[in-house]
C-alpha atoms as a PDB file:
ATOM      1  CA  MET A   1      38.387  40.575  29.135  1.00  0.00           C
ATOM      2  CA  GLU A   2      35.043  41.305  28.283  1.00  0.00           C
ATOM      3  CA  SER A   3      32.384  38.549  29.008  1.00  0.00           C
ATOM      4  CA  ILE A   4      28.257  38.453  28.691  1.00  0.00           C
ATOM      5  CA  ARG A   5      26.859  36.253  32.304  1.00  0.00           C
ATOM      6  CA  MET A   6      23.088  35.903  33.468  1.00  0.00           C
ATOM      7  CA  THR A   7      22.019  38.457  36.168  1.00  0.00           C
ATOM      8  CA  THR A   8      21.339  38.351  39.611  1.00  0.00           C
ATOM      9  CA  ALA A   9      19.366  40.255  42.087  1.00  0.00           C
ATOM     10  CA  ALA A  10      22.119  42.168  42.339  1.00  0.00           C
ATOM     11  CA  ASP A  11      21.866  43.335  39.547  1.00  0.00           C
ATOM     12  CA  GLU A  12      18.508  45.824  39.919  1.00  0.00           C
ATOM     13  CA  ASN A  13      19.771  48.879  40.430  1.00  0.00           C
ATOM     14  CA  PHE A  14      22.285  48.621  37.288  1.00  0.00           C
ATOM     15  CA  LEU A  15      19.113  47.118  35.532  1.00  0.00           C
ATOM     16  CA  TRP A  16      17.494  50.257  36.227  1.00  0.00           C
ATOM     17  CA  ASP A  17      19.611  51.974  35.312  1.00  0.00           C
ATOM     18  CA  MET A  18      19.273  50.323  31.433  1.00  0.00           C
ATOM     19  CA  LEU A  19      15.339  50.534  31.402  1.00  0.00           C
ATOM     20  CA  TYR A  20      16.392  54.039  31.462  1.00  0.00           C
ATOM     21  CA  GLU A  21      18.648  53.845  28.826  1.00  0.00           C
ATOM     22  CA  SER A  22      15.996  51.703  26.712  1.00  0.00           C
ATOM     23  CA  LEU A  23      13.929  54.602  26.474  1.00  0.00           C
ATOM     24  CA  TYR A  24      14.422  55.529  22.508  1.00  0.00           C
ATOM     25  CA  VAL A  25      14.883  59.468  22.160  1.00  0.00           C
ATOM     26  CA  GLN A  26      15.302  60.755  18.680  1.00  0.00           C
ATOM     27  CA  ASP A  27      18.259  63.108  17.865  1.00  0.00           C
ATOM     28  CA  GLY A  28      17.587  66.720  18.957  1.00  0.00           C
ATOM     29  CA  ASP A  29      14.709  65.649  21.063  1.00  0.00           C
ATOM     30  CA  GLU A  30      14.182  66.081  25.056  1.00  0.00           C
ATOM     31  CA  PRO A  31      15.462  63.136  27.280  1.00  0.00           C
ATOM     32  CA  PHE A  32      12.991  62.001  29.190  1.00  0.00           C
ATOM     33  CA  SER A  33      13.310  62.646  33.212  1.00  0.00           C
ATOM     34  CA  ARG A  34      14.579  59.553  34.989  1.00  0.00           C
ATOM     35  CA  ASP A  35      11.169  60.321  37.027  1.00  0.00           C
ATOM     36  CA  VAL A  36       9.877  58.364  34.497  1.00  0.00           C
ATOM     37  CA  LEU A  37      10.602  55.293  35.963  1.00  0.00           C
ATOM     38  CA  GLU A  38       8.588  55.952  38.907  1.00  0.00           C
ATOM     39  CA  GLU A  39       5.568  55.310  36.773  1.00  0.00           C
ATOM     40  CA  PRO A  40       3.833  51.923  37.528  1.00  0.00           C
ATOM     41  CA  PHE A  41       3.958  50.817  33.689  1.00  0.00           C
ATOM     42  CA  MET A  42       7.871  50.795  33.966  1.00  0.00           C
ATOM     43  CA  GLN A  43       8.354  49.777  37.588  1.00  0.00           C
ATOM     44  CA  LYS A  44       7.104  46.409  36.536  1.00  0.00           C
ATOM     45  CA  TYR A  45      10.175  45.304  34.149  1.00  0.00           C
ATOM     46  CA  VAL A  46      12.275  45.516  36.810  1.00  0.00           C
ATOM     47  CA  ALA A  47      11.027  46.147  40.548  1.00  0.00           C
ATOM     48  CA  GLY A  48      11.880  42.790  42.194  1.00  0.00           C
ATOM     49  CA  TRP A  49      13.658  41.293  39.587  1.00  0.00           C
ATOM     50  CA  GLY A  50      14.644  38.008  39.943  1.00  0.00           C
ATOM     51  CA  ARG A  51      11.244  36.495  40.593  1.00  0.00           C
ATOM     52  CA  ALA A  52       9.808  33.240  38.860  1.00  0.00           C
ATOM     53  CA  GLY A  53      10.335  33.269  35.254  1.00  0.00           C
ATOM     54  CA  ASP A  54      12.786  36.481  34.922  1.00  0.00           C
ATOM     55  CA  LEU A  55      15.755  35.890  33.009  1.00  0.00           C
ATOM     56  CA  GLY A  56      18.483  37.974  31.611  1.00  0.00           C
ATOM     57  CA  TYR A  57      22.435  38.575  30.994  1.00  0.00           C
ATOM     58  CA  ILE A  58      24.689  41.685  31.383  1.00  0.00           C
ATOM     59  CA  ALA A  59      27.402  42.542  29.090  1.00  0.00           C
ATOM     60  CA  MET A  60      30.941  43.361  31.451  1.00  0.00           C
ATOM     61  CA  ASN A  61      33.714  44.998  29.164  1.00  0.00           C
ATOM     62  CA  ALA A  62      37.018  44.129  29.207  1.00  0.00           C
ATOM     63  CA  GLU A  63      37.594  46.623  32.417  1.00  0.00           C
ATOM     64  CA  GLY A  64      34.858  44.562  34.295  1.00  0.00           C
ATOM     65  CA  VAL A  65      32.476  47.178  33.823  1.00  0.00           C
ATOM     66  CA  PRO A  66      28.584  45.976  33.094  1.00  0.00           C
ATOM     67  CA  VAL A  67      27.888  48.147  29.840  1.00  0.00           C
ATOM     68  CA  GLY A  68      24.196  46.675  28.827  1.00  0.00           C
ATOM     69  CA  SER A  69      21.832  44.348  29.668  1.00  0.00           C
ATOM     70  CA  ILE A  70      18.773  42.321  28.227  1.00  0.00           C
ATOM     71  CA  THR A  71      15.911  40.840  30.141  1.00  0.00           C
ATOM     72  CA  ILE A  72      12.694  38.572  29.323  1.00  0.00           C
ATOM     73  CA  ARG A  73      10.166  38.744  31.867  1.00  0.00           C
ATOM     74  CA  PHE A  74       6.883  37.403  31.951  1.00  0.00           C
ATOM     75  CA  PHE A  75       3.637  39.594  32.151  1.00  0.00           C
ATOM     76  CA  ASP A  76      -0.387  38.654  32.210  1.00  0.00           C
ATOM     77  CA  GLU A  77      -3.412  40.082  30.942  1.00  0.00           C
ATOM     78  CA  ALA A  78      -4.003  42.514  33.966  1.00  0.00           C
ATOM     79  CA  ASN A  79      -0.583  43.365  34.031  1.00  0.00           C
ATOM     80  CA  LYS A  80       0.935  43.750  30.484  1.00  0.00           C
ATOM     81  CA  GLY A  81       3.615  44.989  28.764  1.00  0.00           C
ATOM     82  CA  PHE A  82       4.271  47.107  25.701  1.00  0.00           C
ATOM     83  CA  GLY A  83       4.798  44.702  23.967  1.00  0.00           C
ATOM     84  CA  PHE A  84       2.903  42.341  25.291  1.00  0.00           C
ATOM     85  CA  VAL A  85       1.606  39.197  23.007  1.00  0.00           C
ATOM     86  CA  HIS A  86       0.200  36.492  25.040  1.00  0.00           C
ATOM     87  CA  GLU A  87       0.945  35.803  28.865  1.00  0.00           C
ATOM     88  CA  ASP A  88       2.714  32.223  27.561  1.00  0.00           C
ATOM     89  CA  ILE A  89       5.582  34.800  25.414  1.00  0.00           C
ATOM     90  CA  PRO A  90       8.001  36.258  27.996  1.00  0.00           C
ATOM     91  CA  GLU A  91       8.504  40.419  26.940  1.00  0.00           C
ATOM     92  CA  LEU A  92      12.042  41.127  25.813  1.00  0.00           C
ATOM     93  CA  GLY A  93      13.735  44.402  27.131  1.00  0.00           C
ATOM     94  CA  MET A  94      17.410  45.439  26.028  1.00  0.00           C
ATOM     95  CA  ALA A  95      19.739  48.282  26.410  1.00  0.00           C
ATOM     96  CA  LEU A  96      22.996  49.452  26.377  1.00  0.00           C
ATOM     97  CA  ARG A  97      25.376  52.699  27.354  1.00  0.00           C
ATOM     98  CA  PRO A  98      25.726  55.038  24.572  1.00  0.00           C
ATOM     99  CA  ALA A  99      29.145  54.703  24.162  1.00  0.00           C
ATOM    100  CA  CYS A 100      28.921  51.065  24.119  1.00  0.00           C
ATOM    101  CA  ARG A 101      26.056  51.209  20.787  1.00  0.00           C
ATOM    102  CA  GLY A 102      27.271  49.740  17.165  1.00  0.00           C
ATOM    103  CA  GLN A 103      30.111  47.269  18.686  1.00  0.00           C
ATOM    104  CA  GLY A 104      28.383  44.333  18.865  1.00  0.00           C
ATOM    105  CA  TRP A 105      27.063  44.283  22.264  1.00  0.00           C
ATOM    106  CA  GLY A 106      23.468  43.254  21.616  1.00  0.00           C
ATOM    107  CA  THR A 107      24.241  40.566  19.221  1.00  0.00           C
ATOM    108  CA  ARG A 108      25.996  38.564  21.440  1.00  0.00           C
ATOM    109  CA  LEU A 109      23.486  39.632  24.530  1.00  0.00           C
ATOM    110  CA  MET A 110      20.767  38.095  22.312  1.00  0.00           C
ATOM    111  CA  GLN A 111      22.976  34.747  21.377  1.00  0.00           C
ATOM    112  CA  ALA A 112      22.990  34.008  24.858  1.00  0.00           C
ATOM    113  CA  LEU A 113      19.540  34.987  25.974  1.00  0.00           C
ATOM    114  CA  PHE A 114      17.981  33.051  22.685  1.00  0.00           C
ATOM    115  CA  THR A 115      20.489  30.042  23.935  1.00  0.00           C
ATOM    116  CA  GLU A 116      19.701  30.301  27.550  1.00  0.00           C
ATOM    117  CA  MET A 117      15.443  30.847  26.262  1.00  0.00           C
ATOM    118  CA  LYS A 118      15.579  27.331  23.969  1.00  0.00           C
ATOM    119  CA  GLU A 119      17.598  25.551  26.609  1.00  0.00           C
ATOM    120  CA  LYS A 120      14.270  26.715  29.523  1.00  0.00           C
ATOM    121  CA  GLY A 121      11.665  25.518  26.225  1.00  0.00           C
ATOM    122  CA  ILE A 122      10.788  28.925  25.489  1.00  0.00           C
ATOM    123  CA  LYS A 123       9.474  29.101  22.263  1.00  0.00           C
ATOM    124  CA  GLN A 124       8.428  32.753  21.839  1.00  0.00           C
ATOM    125  CA  VAL A 125       9.639  36.090  23.021  1.00  0.00           C
ATOM    126  CA  SER A 126       8.198  39.541  21.982  1.00  0.00           C
ATOM    127  CA  LEU A 127       9.542  42.777  22.226  1.00  0.00           C
ATOM    128  CA  SER A 128       7.849  46.860  21.857  1.00  0.00           C
ATOM    129  CA  VAL A 129      10.873  48.628  19.492  1.00  0.00           C
ATOM    130  CA  ALA A 130      10.581  52.465  18.675  1.00  0.00           C
ATOM    131  CA  PRO A 131      10.245  52.332  14.604  1.00  0.00           C
ATOM    132  CA  GLU A 132      12.629  55.106  14.056  1.00  0.00           C
ATOM    133  CA  ASN A 133      14.897  53.633  16.532  1.00  0.00           C
ATOM    134  CA  THR A 134      16.347  51.922  13.244  1.00  0.00           C
ATOM    135  CA  ALA A 135      19.664  50.265  14.493  1.00  0.00           C
ATOM    136  CA  ALA A 136      17.338  47.991  16.844  1.00  0.00           C
ATOM    137  CA  VAL A 137      14.890  46.926  14.645  1.00  0.00           C
ATOM    138  CA  ARG A 138      17.938  45.837  12.021  1.00  0.00           C
ATOM    139  CA  LEU A 139      18.978  43.816  15.229  1.00  0.00           C
ATOM    140  CA  TYR A 140      15.514  41.975  15.893  1.00  0.00           C
ATOM    141  CA  LYS A 141      14.771  41.427  12.050  1.00  0.00           C
ATOM    142  CA  ARG A 142      18.640  39.767  12.434  1.00  0.00           C
ATOM    143  CA  PHE A 143      17.087  37.134  15.292  1.00  0.00           C
ATOM    144  CA  GLY A 144      14.170  36.707  13.543  1.00  0.00           C
ATOM    145  CA  PHE A 145      11.589  38.866  14.918  1.00  0.00           C
ATOM    146  CA  ARG A 146       8.775  39.933  13.108  1.00  0.00           C
ATOM    147  CA  GLU A 147       6.202  42.515  13.126  1.00  0.00           C
ATOM    148  CA  VAL A 148       2.909  41.883  14.742  1.00  0.00           C
ATOM    149  CA  GLY A 149       1.079  45.103  15.163  1.00  0.00           C
ATOM    150  CA  MET A 150       1.425  48.602  17.222  1.00  0.00           C
ATOM    151  CA  PHE A 151       1.218  49.870  20.573  1.00  0.00           C
ATOM    152  CA  GLY A 152       0.973  53.696  20.562  1.00  0.00           C
ATOM    153  CA  THR A 153       3.726  54.834  18.119  1.00  0.00           C
ATOM    154  CA  SER A 154       5.481  51.371  18.861  1.00  0.00           C
ATOM    155  CA  ILE A 155       5.835  48.479  16.942  1.00  0.00           C
ATOM    156  CA  THR A 156       5.504  45.083  18.618  1.00  0.00           C
ATOM    157  CA  MET A 157       7.364  42.528  17.101  1.00  0.00           C
ATOM    158  CA  VAL A 158       7.834  39.071  17.937  1.00  0.00           C
ATOM    159  CA  ALA A 159      10.367  35.843  16.876  1.00  0.00           C
ATOM    160  CA  ASP A 160      10.527  31.905  17.516  1.00  0.00           C
ATOM    161  CA  VAL A 161      12.783  30.648  19.459  1.00  0.00           C
ATOM    162  CA  ARG A 162      14.197  28.106  17.632  1.00  0.00           C
END
């Protein structure tokens, strides 16, 4: 049976896989080397998962295999993420295995996360997305994300959690 469950510290290896999957590459372009995950600017998203404020969900297929994740993590001015807006606004990261995209997993993960953020009193959430990643941008806009700036070649978006 397909399901969505909360992340635990035991999911860290899978979250590394999903961080890699979240790196948008246009069709025909060379994928990133997996070595990019060793860079400090990438490690901050997953290293030591389960610290205070970390929240996330894992999508599980009918066979009980994880197929995607959604997470939020708080950063501060000295350790900004790509979608950093303010230290009181966590940054969202989401990815799905390529074979599982376009099947509604992203919507279900977003619904679960937004429900939990509301319960925890989190008022806003931010993210960074490549403008060429049109499927992701459409999903984010459906959940109320709006563009608030650019970081490099990526759009920074924020949504109110209501």
